[in-house]
Amino acid sequence: MTLDEIKTAMAEQGLTQVALAEQLGISKDSLNKILSGKNPMTDAMHNHIRLLLTQPREAVLVYRVNISEAKATELLGEKSCAVAADRAIAIEAIIHHNLAELIELGKTCTWSAEEQEFLGITKSPHPATYSKALDPYA
């Protein structure tokens, strides 16, 4: 999408810069500078804007991964991510880290019967624990 197409889509949807900036997790001033051409638009920002303006709300999940320098070093060692191969390794390490965190969070969720069936989760007789043998989060 070009800047003009973005502005047209915003107008058609009645979306203000304040509202779009909020959805993107950036300030209105930052978005204004991007849309006015004062600041360059990164590929990631372009993709986020395009998704927000063209996809059904249910289909869009954009989140930022904030990890400390210590966690980055733990996940990546001394790699600097200066080359594409290192970036791929870094992304894979972060995905594995995030999946592990999601699995831990999933253990604390209250799942409906339909969700349990879909996920293959069987509860043990004690309601606070899951069967370790069949628990995908174990």
Protein backbone atom coordinates (compact mmCIF):
# COMPACT_ATOMS: atom_id res chain seq x y z
CA MET A 1 0.00 0.00 0.00
CA THR A 2 1.21 3.47 -0.81
CA LEU A 3 0.86 6.35 1.64
CA ASP A 4 -2.10 7.63 -0.37
CA GLU A 5 -3.76 4.19 -0.28
CA ILE A 6 -3.24 4.03 3.47
CA LYS A 7 -4.80 7.46 3.94
CA THR A 8 -7.72 6.53 1.66
CA ALA A 9 -8.33 3.27 3.55
CA MET A 10 -8.22 5.14 6.85
CA ALA A 11 -10.76 7.68 5.58
CA GLU A 12 -13.06 4.94 4.23
CA GLN A 13 -12.98 3.18 7.60
CA GLY A 14 -13.34 6.40 9.60
CA LEU A 15 -10.03 5.63 11.27
CA THR A 16 -8.11 8.57 12.73
CA GLN A 17 -4.35 8.75 13.06
CA VAL A 18 -4.79 8.62 16.83
CA ALA A 19 -6.80 5.38 16.60
CA LEU A 20 -4.42 3.74 14.11
CA ALA A 21 -1.37 4.80 16.14
CA GLU A 22 -2.98 3.26 19.23
CA GLN A 23 -3.56 -0.03 17.38
CA LEU A 24 0.04 0.01 16.18
CA GLY A 25 1.43 0.77 19.64
CA ILE A 26 3.16 3.96 18.53
CA SER A 27 2.57 7.64 19.20
CA LYS A 28 0.31 9.74 16.99
CA ASP A 29 3.30 11.98 16.22
CA SER A 30 5.36 9.00 15.01
CA LEU A 31 2.52 7.83 12.76
CA ASN A 32 1.99 11.37 11.47
CA LYS A 33 5.66 11.64 10.49
CA ILE A 34 5.45 8.31 8.66
CA LEU A 35 2.23 9.19 6.83
CA SER A 36 3.54 12.63 5.88
CA GLY A 37 6.74 11.11 4.48
CA LYS A 38 8.99 12.84 7.03
CA ASN A 39 10.10 9.49 8.46
CA PRO A 40 10.62 6.34 6.40
CA MET A 41 8.19 3.47 6.86
CA THR A 42 9.87 0.20 7.78
CA ASP A 43 8.73 -3.02 6.14
CA ALA A 44 7.41 -4.23 9.49
CA MET A 45 5.37 -1.06 10.00
CA HIS A 46 4.04 -1.26 6.45
CA ASN A 47 2.96 -4.87 7.03
CA HIS A 48 1.27 -4.00 10.33
CA ILE A 49 -0.62 -1.09 8.79
CA ARG A 50 -1.65 -3.16 5.78
CA LEU A 51 -2.92 -5.96 8.02
CA LEU A 52 -4.86 -3.58 10.24
CA LEU A 53 -6.47 -1.85 7.28
CA THR A 54 -7.21 -4.84 5.05
CA GLN A 55 -7.77 -7.91 7.23
CA PRO A 56 -10.70 -8.80 9.47
CA ARG A 57 -9.96 -7.86 13.07
CA GLU A 58 -10.06 -11.51 14.13
CA ALA A 59 -7.24 -12.32 11.72
CA VAL A 60 -4.78 -9.76 13.07
CA LEU A 61 -2.52 -10.48 16.00
CA VAL A 62 0.51 -8.26 16.11
CA TYR A 63 2.67 -8.22 19.17
CA ARG A 64 6.08 -6.98 20.10
CA VAL A 65 8.64 -9.17 21.77
CA ASN A 66 10.55 -7.30 24.41
CA ILE A 67 13.41 -9.24 25.88
CA SER A 68 16.17 -8.00 28.12
CA GLU A 69 19.78 -7.89 27.03
CA ALA A 70 20.45 -10.73 29.47
CA LYS A 71 17.67 -12.88 27.93
CA ALA A 72 18.92 -12.08 24.41
CA THR A 73 22.40 -13.20 25.42
CA GLU A 74 20.96 -16.33 27.03
CA LEU A 75 18.99 -17.19 23.88
CA LEU A 76 21.55 -16.15 21.30
CA GLY A 77 24.94 -16.38 22.94
CA GLU A 78 27.36 -13.91 21.42
CA LYS A 79 25.81 -13.84 17.94
CA SER A 80 25.31 -10.29 16.74
CA CYS A 81 22.61 -11.00 14.13
CA ALA A 82 24.64 -9.10 11.58
CA VAL A 83 23.90 -11.63 8.85
CA ALA A 84 20.67 -13.28 7.71
CA ALA A 85 21.67 -16.71 9.05
CA ASP A 86 22.20 -15.28 12.54
CA ARG A 87 18.86 -13.46 12.37
CA ALA A 88 17.14 -16.72 11.44
CA ILE A 89 18.74 -18.44 14.44
CA ALA A 90 17.71 -15.54 16.68
CA ILE A 91 14.11 -15.63 15.46
CA GLU A 92 13.93 -19.39 15.99
CA ALA A 93 15.33 -19.05 19.53
CA ILE A 94 12.82 -16.33 20.38
CA ILE A 95 9.93 -18.37 18.94
CA HIS A 96 10.95 -21.38 21.05
CA HIS A 97 11.22 -19.14 24.11
CA ASN A 98 7.77 -17.63 23.45
CA LEU A 99 6.19 -21.05 22.86
CA ALA A 100 7.58 -22.28 26.17
CA GLU A 101 6.03 -19.25 27.91
CA LEU A 102 2.70 -19.82 26.14
CA ILE A 103 2.72 -23.47 27.20
CA GLU A 104 3.22 -22.42 30.83
CA LEU A 105 0.39 -19.89 30.53
CA GLY A 106 -1.80 -22.53 28.87
CA LYS A 107 -1.49 -24.72 31.95
CA THR A 108 -3.31 -22.07 33.97
CA CYS A 109 -6.17 -21.51 31.52
CA THR A 110 -9.68 -22.71 32.08
CA TRP A 111 -10.54 -24.60 28.90
CA SER A 112 -14.06 -25.28 27.71
CA ALA A 113 -15.01 -28.88 26.91
CA GLU A 114 -14.75 -28.07 23.18
CA GLU A 115 -11.28 -26.56 23.61
CA GLN A 116 -10.14 -29.52 25.69
CA GLU A 117 -11.33 -31.91 22.99
CA PHE A 118 -9.70 -29.89 20.22
CA LEU A 119 -6.39 -29.63 22.10
CA GLY A 120 -6.44 -33.26 23.24
CA ILE A 121 -6.43 -32.26 26.89
CA THR A 122 -7.92 -34.64 29.41
CA LYS A 123 -8.44 -33.57 32.97
CA SER A 124 -7.55 -35.83 35.86
CA PRO A 125 -10.20 -36.55 38.51
CA HIS A 126 -8.75 -33.67 40.54
CA PRO A 127 -9.99 -30.46 38.82
CA ALA A 128 -6.84 -28.48 39.52
CA THR A 129 -4.51 -30.83 37.64
CA TYR A 130 -4.32 -32.33 34.17
CA SER A 131 -3.41 -35.89 33.31
CA LYS A 132 0.33 -35.77 32.75
CA ALA A 133 0.19 -38.65 30.27
CA LEU A 134 -2.15 -36.87 27.88
CA ASP A 135 -1.41 -33.21 28.71
CA PRO A 136 0.22 -31.48 25.71
CA TYR A 137 1.44 -28.81 28.12
CA ALA A 138 3.25 -31.21 30.44
